[in-house]
């Protein structure tokens, strides 16, 4: 039986498949990460992809610090989420740019010393800055305009 819900789901799957196949192989690569971000950044991950991720309200000390740093002019108290699972590299790029768009949380950090790697805001890193910590603890800094798909492919050793 064809219902409105089934038509919408089928349409969404078809559009996702078309976009994925036309985007090229490199953009289909996924990596498993743990992301700490608020709702605005979470919204940058497609709803289709979110259904396969573990998403929880993050109540850690670090998350509470990010909430404390949110602008007082905000109409709502932000909720910080912990998102774990496989994310397309292209979506992760959008997430990192979304984190960098929130200077009140500080810069962004990719910590490759943990499994899965952590991607989060960090008040100790200057705004508009991405700090990458490799598995050996070596750090590399990128300005916001340097953050690209090529950089992420190098960091995560994607093809």
N, C-alpha and C. Protein backbone atom coordinates (compact mmCIF):
# COMPACT_ATOMS: atom_id res chain seq x y z
N UNK A 1 0.84 -1.17 0.00
CA UNK A 1 0.00 0.00 0.00
C UNK A 1 0.88 1.24 0.00
N UNK A 2 0.63 2.12 -0.90
CA UNK A 2 1.40 3.34 -1.04
C UNK A 2 0.79 4.43 -0.16
N UNK A 3 1.57 4.86 0.84
CA UNK A 3 1.11 5.91 1.73
C UNK A 3 1.98 7.14 1.52
N UNK A 4 1.53 8.25 2.03
CA UNK A 4 2.28 9.49 1.91
C UNK A 4 3.65 9.34 2.57
N UNK A 5 3.69 8.70 3.73
CA UNK A 5 4.94 8.49 4.46
C UNK A 5 5.92 7.67 3.63
N UNK A 6 5.45 6.59 3.01
CA UNK A 6 6.33 5.74 2.20
C UNK A 6 6.85 6.49 0.97
N UNK A 7 6.01 7.31 0.40
CA UNK A 7 6.44 8.11 -0.76
C UNK A 7 7.53 9.09 -0.34
N UNK A 8 7.35 9.75 0.82
CA UNK A 8 8.36 10.70 1.30
C UNK A 8 9.67 10.00 1.62
N UNK A 9 9.60 8.84 2.25
CA UNK A 9 10.81 8.09 2.59
C UNK A 9 11.52 7.64 1.31
N UNK A 10 10.75 7.11 0.37
CA UNK A 10 11.34 6.66 -0.90
C UNK A 10 11.97 7.83 -1.65
N UNK A 11 11.30 8.97 -1.63
CA UNK A 11 11.84 10.16 -2.31
C UNK A 11 13.15 10.60 -1.67
N UNK A 12 13.18 10.62 -0.33
CA UNK A 12 14.39 11.03 0.37
C UNK A 12 15.55 10.07 0.07
N UNK A 13 15.25 8.78 0.06
CA UNK A 13 16.29 7.80 -0.26
C UNK A 13 16.79 7.95 -1.69
N UNK A 14 15.88 8.19 -2.61
CA UNK A 14 16.25 8.37 -4.01
C UNK A 14 17.12 9.61 -4.19
N UNK A 15 16.72 10.70 -3.57
CA UNK A 15 17.50 11.94 -3.68
C UNK A 15 18.89 11.75 -3.07
N UNK A 16 18.96 11.09 -1.92
CA UNK A 16 20.25 10.82 -1.28
C UNK A 16 21.13 9.96 -2.18
N UNK A 17 20.54 8.94 -2.78
CA UNK A 17 21.31 8.05 -3.67
C UNK A 17 21.81 8.80 -4.89
N UNK A 18 20.98 9.63 -5.48
CA UNK A 18 21.37 10.40 -6.66
C UNK A 18 22.49 11.37 -6.31
N UNK A 19 22.32 12.09 -5.20
CA UNK A 19 23.35 13.05 -4.78
C UNK A 19 24.66 12.35 -4.46
N UNK A 20 24.59 11.21 -3.80
CA UNK A 20 25.80 10.48 -3.45
C UNK A 20 26.53 9.96 -4.67
N UNK A 21 25.79 9.42 -5.63
CA UNK A 21 26.45 8.86 -6.81
C UNK A 21 26.98 9.93 -7.72
N UNK A 22 26.35 11.09 -7.77
CA UNK A 22 26.83 12.14 -8.65
C UNK A 22 27.93 12.97 -8.01
N UNK A 23 28.11 12.86 -6.70
CA UNK A 23 29.10 13.67 -6.00
C UNK A 23 30.51 13.13 -6.16
N UNK A 24 30.66 11.90 -6.57
CA UNK A 24 31.99 11.34 -6.76
C UNK A 24 32.40 10.48 -5.59
N UNK A 25 33.33 9.57 -5.83
CA UNK A 25 33.73 8.60 -4.83
C UNK A 25 34.34 9.20 -3.59
N UNK A 26 35.18 10.22 -3.75
CA UNK A 26 35.88 10.77 -2.61
C UNK A 26 34.90 11.33 -1.59
N UNK A 27 33.80 11.90 -2.03
CA UNK A 27 32.86 12.52 -1.12
C UNK A 27 32.01 11.50 -0.39
N UNK A 28 32.02 10.25 -0.82
CA UNK A 28 31.23 9.22 -0.17
C UNK A 28 31.97 8.58 0.99
N UNK A 29 33.26 8.87 1.16
CA UNK A 29 34.03 8.28 2.23
C UNK A 29 33.46 8.69 3.57
N UNK A 30 33.37 7.73 4.48
CA UNK A 30 32.89 8.02 5.82
C UNK A 30 33.98 7.70 6.83
N UNK A 31 33.91 8.39 7.95
CA UNK A 31 34.84 8.15 9.04
C UNK A 31 34.04 8.11 10.33
N UNK A 32 34.51 7.31 11.26
CA UNK A 32 33.85 7.20 12.56
C UNK A 32 34.48 8.23 13.49
N UNK A 33 33.63 9.09 14.06
CA UNK A 33 34.10 10.16 14.95
C UNK A 33 33.13 10.34 16.11
N UNK A 34 33.61 11.05 17.12
CA UNK A 34 32.77 11.53 18.22
C UNK A 34 32.79 13.05 18.12
N UNK A 35 31.61 13.64 18.03
CA UNK A 35 31.49 15.08 17.87
C UNK A 35 30.75 15.64 19.09
N UNK A 36 31.26 16.74 19.64
CA UNK A 36 30.54 17.46 20.69
C UNK A 36 30.13 18.79 20.07
N UNK A 37 28.82 19.00 19.97
CA UNK A 37 28.33 20.21 19.31
C UNK A 37 26.92 20.53 19.79
N UNK A 38 26.48 21.76 19.52
CA UNK A 38 25.12 22.13 19.89
C UNK A 38 24.15 21.81 18.74
N UNK A 39 22.88 22.13 18.96
CA UNK A 39 21.83 21.78 18.00
C UNK A 39 22.07 22.39 16.62
N UNK A 40 22.60 23.61 16.55
CA UNK A 40 22.81 24.25 15.25
C UNK A 40 23.83 23.48 14.41
N UNK A 41 24.85 22.93 15.05
CA UNK A 41 25.85 22.15 14.33
C UNK A 41 25.31 20.75 14.03
N UNK A 42 24.59 20.19 14.97
CA UNK A 42 23.97 18.87 14.73
C UNK A 42 23.07 18.92 13.50
N UNK A 43 22.39 20.03 13.29
CA UNK A 43 21.48 20.16 12.16
C UNK A 43 22.20 20.13 10.81
N UNK A 44 23.51 20.29 10.81
CA UNK A 44 24.28 20.24 9.57
C UNK A 44 24.47 18.81 9.06
N UNK A 45 24.19 17.84 9.91
CA UNK A 45 24.27 16.43 9.51
C UNK A 45 22.91 16.03 8.99
N UNK A 46 22.88 15.41 7.84
CA UNK A 46 21.60 15.06 7.22
C UNK A 46 20.76 14.18 8.15
N UNK A 47 19.44 14.39 8.16
CA UNK A 47 18.57 13.55 8.99
C UNK A 47 18.73 12.06 8.65
N UNK A 48 18.95 11.77 7.38
CA UNK A 48 19.15 10.38 6.96
C UNK A 48 20.37 9.79 7.68
N UNK A 49 21.47 10.54 7.74
CA UNK A 49 22.70 10.08 8.40
C UNK A 49 22.50 10.03 9.92
N UNK A 50 21.76 11.01 10.48
CA UNK A 50 21.55 11.04 11.93
C UNK A 50 20.87 9.78 12.44
N UNK A 51 20.05 9.17 11.61
CA UNK A 51 19.33 7.97 12.05
C UNK A 51 20.27 6.82 12.38
N UNK A 52 21.49 6.85 11.84
CA UNK A 52 22.45 5.77 12.11
C UNK A 52 23.52 6.17 13.13
N UNK A 53 23.37 7.34 13.75
CA UNK A 53 24.34 7.82 14.72
C UNK A 53 23.81 7.67 16.14
N UNK A 54 24.71 7.53 17.09
CA UNK A 54 24.33 7.57 18.50
C UNK A 54 24.41 9.03 18.94
N UNK A 55 23.27 9.61 19.29
CA UNK A 55 23.21 11.03 19.66
C UNK A 55 22.63 11.12 21.06
N UNK A 56 23.40 11.71 21.97
CA UNK A 56 22.98 11.84 23.36
C UNK A 56 23.22 13.26 23.86
N UNK A 57 22.41 13.67 24.81
CA UNK A 57 22.61 14.94 25.49
C UNK A 57 23.92 14.82 26.29
N UNK A 58 24.87 15.68 26.03
CA UNK A 58 26.17 15.64 26.70
C UNK A 58 26.11 16.53 27.95
N UNK A 59 26.26 15.93 29.10
CA UNK A 59 26.20 16.67 30.36
C UNK A 59 27.56 16.72 31.06
N UNK A 60 28.61 16.46 30.29
CA UNK A 60 29.96 16.47 30.85
C UNK A 60 30.35 17.87 31.30
N UNK A 61 31.44 17.94 32.05
CA UNK A 61 31.97 19.23 32.51
C UNK A 61 32.33 20.12 31.31
N UNK A 62 32.90 19.52 30.27
CA UNK A 62 33.28 20.27 29.07
C UNK A 62 32.05 20.85 28.38
N UNK A 63 30.98 20.06 28.30
CA UNK A 63 29.74 20.52 27.67
C UNK A 63 29.12 21.66 28.48
N UNK A 64 29.16 21.55 29.80
CA UNK A 64 28.62 22.60 30.66
C UNK A 64 29.39 23.90 30.48
N UNK A 65 30.71 23.79 30.26
CA UNK A 65 31.52 24.98 30.01
C UNK A 65 31.11 25.64 28.70
N UNK A 66 30.83 24.84 27.67
CA UNK A 66 30.38 25.42 26.40
C UNK A 66 29.03 26.12 26.57
N UNK A 67 28.12 25.52 27.31
CA UNK A 67 26.81 26.15 27.56
C UNK A 67 27.02 27.48 28.27
N UNK A 68 27.90 27.50 29.25
CA UNK A 68 28.18 28.72 30.00
C UNK A 68 28.71 29.83 29.09
N UNK A 69 29.43 29.47 28.05
CA UNK A 69 30.04 30.45 27.15
C UNK A 69 29.10 30.94 26.06
N UNK A 70 27.93 30.35 25.96
CA UNK A 70 27.00 30.77 24.90
C UNK A 70 26.55 32.20 25.15
N UNK A 71 26.22 32.92 24.08
CA UNK A 71 25.86 34.34 24.22
C UNK A 71 24.63 34.52 25.12
N UNK A 72 24.66 35.54 25.93
CA UNK A 72 23.54 35.85 26.82
C UNK A 72 22.32 36.32 26.04
N UNK A 73 22.53 36.74 24.80
CA UNK A 73 21.42 37.23 23.97
C UNK A 73 20.64 36.09 23.32
N UNK A 74 21.12 34.86 23.47
CA UNK A 74 20.44 33.72 22.85
C UNK A 74 19.04 33.57 23.46
N UNK A 75 18.08 33.18 22.64
CA UNK A 75 16.71 33.01 23.10
C UNK A 75 16.51 31.70 23.85
N UNK A 76 17.48 30.85 23.80
CA UNK A 76 17.36 29.54 24.42
C UNK A 76 18.69 29.15 25.05
N UNK A 77 18.64 28.22 25.96
CA UNK A 77 19.86 27.65 26.53
C UNK A 77 20.28 26.52 25.60
N UNK A 78 21.49 26.59 25.06
CA UNK A 78 21.90 25.55 24.12
C UNK A 78 22.01 24.18 24.79
N UNK A 79 21.74 23.17 24.01
CA UNK A 79 21.93 21.79 24.46
C UNK A 79 23.11 21.25 23.67
N UNK A 80 24.08 20.73 24.38
CA UNK A 80 25.26 20.17 23.75
C UNK A 80 25.04 18.66 23.59
N UNK A 81 25.33 18.17 22.40
CA UNK A 81 25.15 16.76 22.09
C UNK A 81 26.48 16.07 21.89
N UNK A 82 26.51 14.79 22.20
CA UNK A 82 27.62 13.92 21.85
C UNK A 82 27.09 13.04 20.72
N UNK A 83 27.75 13.11 19.59
CA UNK A 83 27.32 12.39 18.39
C UNK A 83 28.44 11.42 18.02
N UNK A 84 28.10 10.13 17.93
CA UNK A 84 29.12 9.12 17.63
C UNK A 84 28.64 8.27 16.47
N UNK A 85 29.51 8.05 15.51
CA UNK A 85 29.20 7.16 14.40
C UNK A 85 29.92 7.56 13.14
N UNK A 86 29.55 6.90 12.05
CA UNK A 86 30.17 7.15 10.75
C UNK A 86 29.51 8.34 10.09
N UNK A 87 30.33 9.31 9.71
CA UNK A 87 29.87 10.53 9.07
C UNK A 87 30.66 10.71 7.78
N UNK A 88 30.00 11.16 6.74
CA UNK A 88 30.69 11.44 5.49
C UNK A 88 31.69 12.57 5.72
N UNK A 89 32.82 12.47 5.07
CA UNK A 89 33.87 13.49 5.22
C UNK A 89 33.32 14.86 4.84
N UNK A 90 32.49 14.91 3.81
CA UNK A 90 31.91 16.20 3.40
C UNK A 90 31.01 16.77 4.48
N UNK A 91 30.25 15.91 5.17
CA UNK A 91 29.40 16.40 6.27
C UNK A 91 30.26 16.83 7.45
N UNK A 92 31.33 16.10 7.72
CA UNK A 92 32.22 16.47 8.82
C UNK A 92 32.83 17.84 8.54
N UNK A 93 33.17 18.11 7.30
CA UNK A 93 33.69 19.43 6.93
C UNK A 93 32.67 20.51 7.28
N UNK A 94 31.40 20.29 6.96
CA UNK A 94 30.36 21.25 7.29
C UNK A 94 30.21 21.42 8.81
N UNK A 95 30.31 20.31 9.53
CA UNK A 95 30.22 20.36 11.00
C UNK A 95 31.37 21.20 11.57
N UNK A 96 32.58 20.96 11.10
CA UNK A 96 33.73 21.71 11.60
C UNK A 96 33.58 23.19 11.27
N UNK A 97 33.13 23.49 10.08
CA UNK A 97 32.89 24.91 9.73
C UNK A 97 31.79 25.50 10.62
N UNK A 98 30.78 24.69 10.94
CA UNK A 98 29.73 25.15 11.84
C UNK A 98 30.27 25.44 13.23
N UNK A 99 31.17 24.60 13.71
CA UNK A 99 31.81 24.84 15.01
C UNK A 99 32.63 26.12 14.95
N UNK A 100 33.34 26.32 13.86
CA UNK A 100 34.16 27.53 13.72
C UNK A 100 33.32 28.79 13.57
N UNK A 101 32.07 28.65 13.19
CA UNK A 101 31.16 29.80 13.07
C UNK A 101 30.65 30.27 14.43
N UNK A 102 31.02 29.57 15.50
CA UNK A 102 30.56 29.92 16.84
C UNK A 102 31.75 30.37 17.70
N UNK A 103 32.24 31.58 17.48
CA UNK A 103 33.47 32.02 18.15
C UNK A 103 33.38 32.07 19.67
N UNK A 104 32.17 32.15 20.22
CA UNK A 104 32.02 32.20 21.67
C UNK A 104 32.38 30.87 22.32
N UNK A 105 32.44 29.77 21.54
CA UNK A 105 32.86 28.48 22.08
C UNK A 105 34.36 28.26 21.92
N UNK A 106 35.05 29.18 21.27
CA UNK A 106 36.47 29.01 21.00
C UNK A 106 36.68 28.40 19.62
N UNK A 107 37.83 27.78 19.41
CA UNK A 107 38.12 27.14 18.13
C UNK A 107 37.68 25.69 18.14
N UNK A 108 38.05 24.98 17.08
CA UNK A 108 37.69 23.56 16.95
C UNK A 108 38.95 22.72 17.13
N UNK A 109 38.75 21.51 17.65
CA UNK A 109 39.86 20.57 17.85
C UNK A 109 39.46 19.22 17.27
N UNK A 110 40.38 18.62 16.52
CA UNK A 110 40.26 17.21 16.13
C UNK A 110 41.36 16.50 16.89
N UNK A 111 40.97 15.60 17.79
CA UNK A 111 41.94 14.86 18.60
C UNK A 111 41.99 13.42 18.11
N UNK A 112 43.06 13.08 17.42
CA UNK A 112 43.22 11.75 16.83
C UNK A 112 43.81 10.74 17.83
N UNK A 113 44.08 11.17 19.07
CA UNK A 113 44.65 10.26 20.06
C UNK A 113 43.61 9.31 20.64
N UNK A 114 42.35 9.61 20.43
CA UNK A 114 41.28 8.77 20.97
C UNK A 114 40.63 7.98 19.84
N UNK A 115 39.96 6.91 20.22
CA UNK A 115 39.19 6.12 19.25
C UNK A 115 37.76 6.05 19.71
N UNK A 116 36.82 6.55 18.95
CA UNK A 116 37.03 7.27 17.70
C UNK A 116 37.60 8.67 17.98
N UNK A 117 38.17 9.30 16.95
CA UNK A 117 38.69 10.66 17.13
C UNK A 117 37.59 11.61 17.61
N UNK A 118 37.97 12.58 18.44
CA UNK A 118 37.05 13.59 18.96
C UNK A 118 37.11 14.85 18.13
N UNK A 119 35.94 15.41 17.85
CA UNK A 119 35.83 16.70 17.18
C UNK A 119 34.97 17.56 18.10
N UNK A 120 35.53 18.68 18.55
CA UNK A 120 34.80 19.49 19.51
C UNK A 120 35.25 20.94 19.47
N UNK A 121 34.46 21.79 20.10
CA UNK A 121 34.86 23.17 20.37
C UNK A 121 35.78 23.15 21.58
N UNK A 122 36.67 24.15 21.64
CA UNK A 122 37.55 24.24 22.79
C UNK A 122 37.83 25.70 23.08
N UNK A 123 37.39 26.18 24.26
CA UNK A 123 37.61 27.58 24.61
C UNK A 123 39.09 27.97 24.68
N UNK A 124 39.99 27.00 24.83
CA UNK A 124 41.41 27.28 24.90
C UNK A 124 42.06 27.49 23.54
N UNK A 125 41.31 27.25 22.47
CA UNK A 125 41.81 27.44 21.11
C UNK A 125 41.18 28.72 20.56
N UNK A 126 41.98 29.59 19.94
CA UNK A 126 41.40 30.83 19.41
C UNK A 126 40.27 30.57 18.41
N UNK A 127 39.28 31.44 18.42
CA UNK A 127 38.17 31.33 17.47
C UNK A 127 38.71 31.33 16.05
N UNK A 128 37.98 30.70 15.15
CA UNK A 128 38.36 30.60 13.73
C UNK A 128 39.64 29.81 13.51
N UNK A 129 39.95 28.92 14.44
CA UNK A 129 41.16 28.11 14.35
C UNK A 129 40.80 26.65 14.55
N UNK A 130 41.36 25.78 13.71
CA UNK A 130 41.23 24.34 13.86
C UNK A 130 42.58 23.80 14.32
N UNK A 131 42.58 23.12 15.45
CA UNK A 131 43.77 22.49 15.98
C UNK A 131 43.62 20.99 15.79
N UNK A 132 44.58 20.36 15.11
CA UNK A 132 44.57 18.92 14.90
C UNK A 132 45.69 18.32 15.73
N UNK A 133 45.31 17.36 16.58
CA UNK A 133 46.30 16.65 17.40
C UNK A 133 46.38 15.24 16.83
N UNK A 134 47.55 14.87 16.28
CA UNK A 134 47.66 13.54 15.68
C UNK A 134 47.85 12.48 16.76
N UNK A 135 47.90 11.23 16.35
CA UNK A 135 47.97 10.10 17.28
C UNK A 135 49.21 10.16 18.18
N UNK A 136 50.28 10.81 17.70
CA UNK A 136 51.50 10.93 18.49
C UNK A 136 51.52 12.17 19.37
N UNK A 137 50.46 13.00 19.31
CA UNK A 137 50.39 14.21 20.12
C UNK A 137 50.91 15.46 19.43
N UNK A 138 51.39 15.33 18.19
CA UNK A 138 51.87 16.49 17.44
C UNK A 138 50.66 17.33 17.02
N UNK A 139 50.78 18.64 17.15
CA UNK A 139 49.67 19.51 16.78
C UNK A 139 49.95 20.29 15.51
N UNK A 140 48.90 20.49 14.75
CA UNK A 140 48.94 21.31 13.54
C UNK A 140 47.77 22.26 13.62
N UNK A 141 48.01 23.52 13.28
CA UNK A 141 46.98 24.54 13.36
C UNK A 141 46.60 25.01 11.96
N UNK A 142 45.28 25.16 11.75
CA UNK A 142 44.75 25.66 10.49
C UNK A 142 43.84 26.85 10.75
N UNK A 143 43.98 27.89 9.95
CA UNK A 143 43.02 29.00 10.00
C UNK A 143 41.73 28.54 9.33
N UNK A 144 40.63 29.21 9.64
CA UNK A 144 39.33 28.81 9.12
C UNK A 144 39.33 28.67 7.59
N UNK A 145 39.99 29.59 6.90
CA UNK A 145 39.98 29.56 5.43
C UNK A 145 40.86 28.44 4.86
N UNK A 146 41.65 27.77 5.69
CA UNK A 146 42.46 26.64 5.24
C UNK A 146 41.75 25.31 5.41
N UNK A 147 40.66 25.29 6.17
CA UNK A 147 39.95 24.04 6.45
C UNK A 147 39.20 23.62 5.20
N UNK A 148 39.59 22.47 4.65
CA UNK A 148 39.01 22.00 3.39
C UNK A 148 38.87 20.48 3.40
N UNK A 149 38.24 19.98 2.37
CA UNK A 149 38.09 18.54 2.21
C UNK A 149 39.47 17.88 2.10
N UNK A 150 40.39 18.52 1.42
CA UNK A 150 41.75 17.97 1.29
C UNK A 150 42.43 17.85 2.65
N UNK A 151 42.26 18.85 3.50
CA UNK A 151 42.86 18.81 4.84
C UNK A 151 42.27 17.65 5.64
N UNK A 152 40.95 17.50 5.61
CA UNK A 152 40.32 16.40 6.36
C UNK A 152 40.73 15.05 5.82
N UNK A 153 40.86 14.93 4.51
CA UNK A 153 41.30 13.65 3.93
C UNK A 153 42.71 13.31 4.41
N UNK A 154 43.57 14.32 4.55
CA UNK A 154 44.91 14.07 5.07
C UNK A 154 44.89 13.70 6.55
N UNK A 155 44.10 14.44 7.33
CA UNK A 155 44.02 14.19 8.76
C UNK A 155 43.51 12.77 9.03
N UNK A 156 42.45 12.38 8.32
CA UNK A 156 41.83 11.08 8.57
C UNK A 156 42.38 9.99 7.64
N UNK A 157 43.39 10.34 6.84
CA UNK A 157 44.04 9.40 5.93
C UNK A 157 43.03 8.68 5.03
N UNK A 158 42.12 9.49 4.46
CA UNK A 158 41.14 8.98 3.52
C UNK A 158 41.78 9.00 2.15
N UNK A 159 41.81 7.87 1.49
CA UNK A 159 42.39 7.69 0.14
C UNK A 159 43.41 8.71 -0.17
